[in-house]
């Protein structure tokens, strides 16, 4: 692998030599420097764009050009006549200044070469064709070519170090702004421009009075210039694998006109290529944001969905079905209607082996080897309808409703070297309805009102069943736990069952008043409330041999095996924030005053807690330049738990993970500090983003864990030992001509207090990850993308210290040959050092070969191979506050498929 990378690096270096620097200053007719002027150089022989740049605040520009060649230089600026000049390069660098003349002939528009990047206020516009190399197929391929844009490990789009929270196509929401659906499905041929909307606000009335620095949106401008048009692709494929015949059908159809749009994405395959995973669907928020997200209160309603054995990307067999549709309709200028419907179904076979070492060997918890296999079924449906009515600039009303339903089941067989064989069944059919109503009213130029209200109803009904062998020949690891649970120990099996029902009702609403004091400052008053009610019922039972049910009485926890709990929470708060701009600084100090009320009722008793809390917050932003800033934030947050930690009856999270709650639990308090630096420089093609965050949790709600063999029982309490977390992330990106280099660095330190077997210990973890990368972006030459990930994880768990070292070099190669053939391949080698003179390694290799007559051809033929080396499994090592483990996950074998793609 090292030889391959060295050869590739030599190739990159050999294709980037023989360049000179062309630099200078652009001014207007009065000799004032022009910032954000566009400077491009077009090769006179190839007529291709050779280099481009944008001037700094001092008017400076710098381009990298080839030696002994001729270029046409074009310099453009809004309101100025475009300057054109032909220059010839030799062996030396060139320095030259230019003056632009005002353009008074507004009725004449001169067509010049496409500008690669254009900056206008907070909007950054990329021309897609300038950066495309010919091997792109999806929107994500286009985005990865753009400077300052990244696709992170979760498939999210990051621009200038910030996650994009909304994506539009021709100004219309695409599946409510979900970026992954867009990047994976919109064909690259349809993309003309990518508009980056920085400091984005969905409500124009609030743009000048709120801090939107973290809000970034993308608007994809389509190439078609017609009034109405269809575009998209239909892909059909088939192939073979050692166990199954492979099939794939993926229609992706899009229709746009000025009044309405319709999008349909379908997926039917058993190749594991999911357009949306179960996790994506579960996290699909539909654009909902909690009104109280900045109030200082965090209320956790809990998540009682299934904990599947593996992720959808790591499984032996995967079948996917997806049908999704999105529409938008504007009957008039003041009314916008939109919505989407998503149905996703998956069938998965998983298998995993693990070796687990529990924390602090002195506690006597045995090491455990496990082997688990699982058959998983998941059916998920989402429906959202939205309406936005804005009759004039002073009034805007938004209404959204999102309904969600799923039917999930997991059948799992497991073997433990300590417990023996178990069979487990889990089922859940939850549903929820989320409604959102917003009204924004501008009374006059100095007074703005905003009402935001959100209601959530959620119903969850998880069922759990576990069957364990009861060996009468000797004591089993589960025997002591079975006796403590009050089970009938005379049977050959322990057949456990549990029903749970959790209903959640929450209203989150606030009224904001903004008073604009002058052009530099404004005052914001907020009156808000959170009202929540949760009902929790559960019971544990044992199936007997005659299929009747036996209700056990535990010998601990006062014999409580059932729950019937009601938890009511209220928060009424008043917030005050003052925002002022002075020079380069934007300062926003503020605070909120909360009146909290908690009451949980169970077993005929009630526990109440009412108190007041003052929560300060502060933000300051330093705008060094238009493209360089530093933001500091501090806030204090009150964190409240969900009903399951308050319920006193037993709850089976798993047969080896039992919990009972504590009704007297109080809130936890946290201090949060963050610092974010961003520099996006198109003068020297250097982009730097860095983020640092520190969190200190006071009065943290934590668990008291007792082990009986490897079976643990948890209860909860408020601890005055503070947990701390420090995280650092940095990215520097530098472009040299057609070569882009990137270095990502990430550090994380955590300190967690844990209580096991009645003893307190301190769990410290430190992870550092470095990822250097270099990629090329040539139009007429093959391109490579080289990356190397080096990660070190150190854990000190009180009585055990571990160190994991991961090294993962990877190489991507793509070539556009004869303007008809595209070849793409990616190889990754992963080696994990366990810190005990043992290491594990595996390799992944995929490749695609496709043919289309030319870029405008309707038909394309593709041969795709995944897992070419036919490896059986992937390994990973990790640690949590209770254990360290090494696991091996078995994956799909080598797949080879032939595909036909038709482009509309």
Foldseek 3Di string as FASTA:
>chain_A
DVVVVVVVVVVVVVVQDAKAKEKEFEAAPVRQGDFQKKKWKAFPVVRATFWIFTAHNRRMFMTIGHAQGKIWIWIDDPQWDIDIDIDGHHRYHHYDYYYTYGDPPVVDDDDDPDGQWGDDFQKIKGFQVNQDQQQFWFQLVSQCSDFQWDQDPVRFIGGLNATAQAEAEPPHGDLLRDPLLRRVFHTPQFFGMKMKRALDDPQPVCSQPDGSRRHIYIYTYTDDPDQKDKWGKWKWWWFDDPPDTWTKTWTWIKIDHPFKIKTKIWIWIWPLPDSAWPVRQVPSPSNDDFPCPPVQEAEDADDDDDDDPDGSFFAAIKTKTKIKMKMWGHPDPFKIKIKMKIKIKMWTKWKKWKWWDWFACVVVFDIKIKIKIKIKIKIKIKIKIKMWGDPDSFKIKIKMKMKIWMWIKMWMWMAMPAAGIKIKIKIKIKMKMKMKIKMWGDPDPFKIKIKIKMKMKIKMKMKMKMKGAQDPVDDGLCVVVCVQQQHDNPDRIWIKIKIKMKIKIKMWIKMWMWGHPDSFKIKIKMKIKMKMKMWMKMAMWTQDPVRDIHGGQGPPLNRFRIWTKMKIKMKIKMKIWMWGDDQQKIKIWIKMKIWIWIWMDTPRDIDIDTDIDIKIKIKMKGPPDSFKIKIKIKIKHKYHYHCQQLTSHWDPPDSQEIEGHNNPADIKMKIKIKMWIWGCGRRQQKTKIKMKMKMKIAQDKAWAWEDSRRRIYIHIGGDRDIKMKIKMWMKMWGDSRFKIKMKIKIKMWIWDWYHYPNDIAIKIKIKIKIKIWMWGRDNAFKIKIKIKIWMWMWIDQRNDIWIKIKIKIKMWIWHQPPQWKIKIKMKIKMKMDGRPPDIDIDMWIKMKIKGAPHPPGFKMKMKIKTRVVFDFWDWDWDDDNTITMIMTIGRYGIIIMIMMMGID
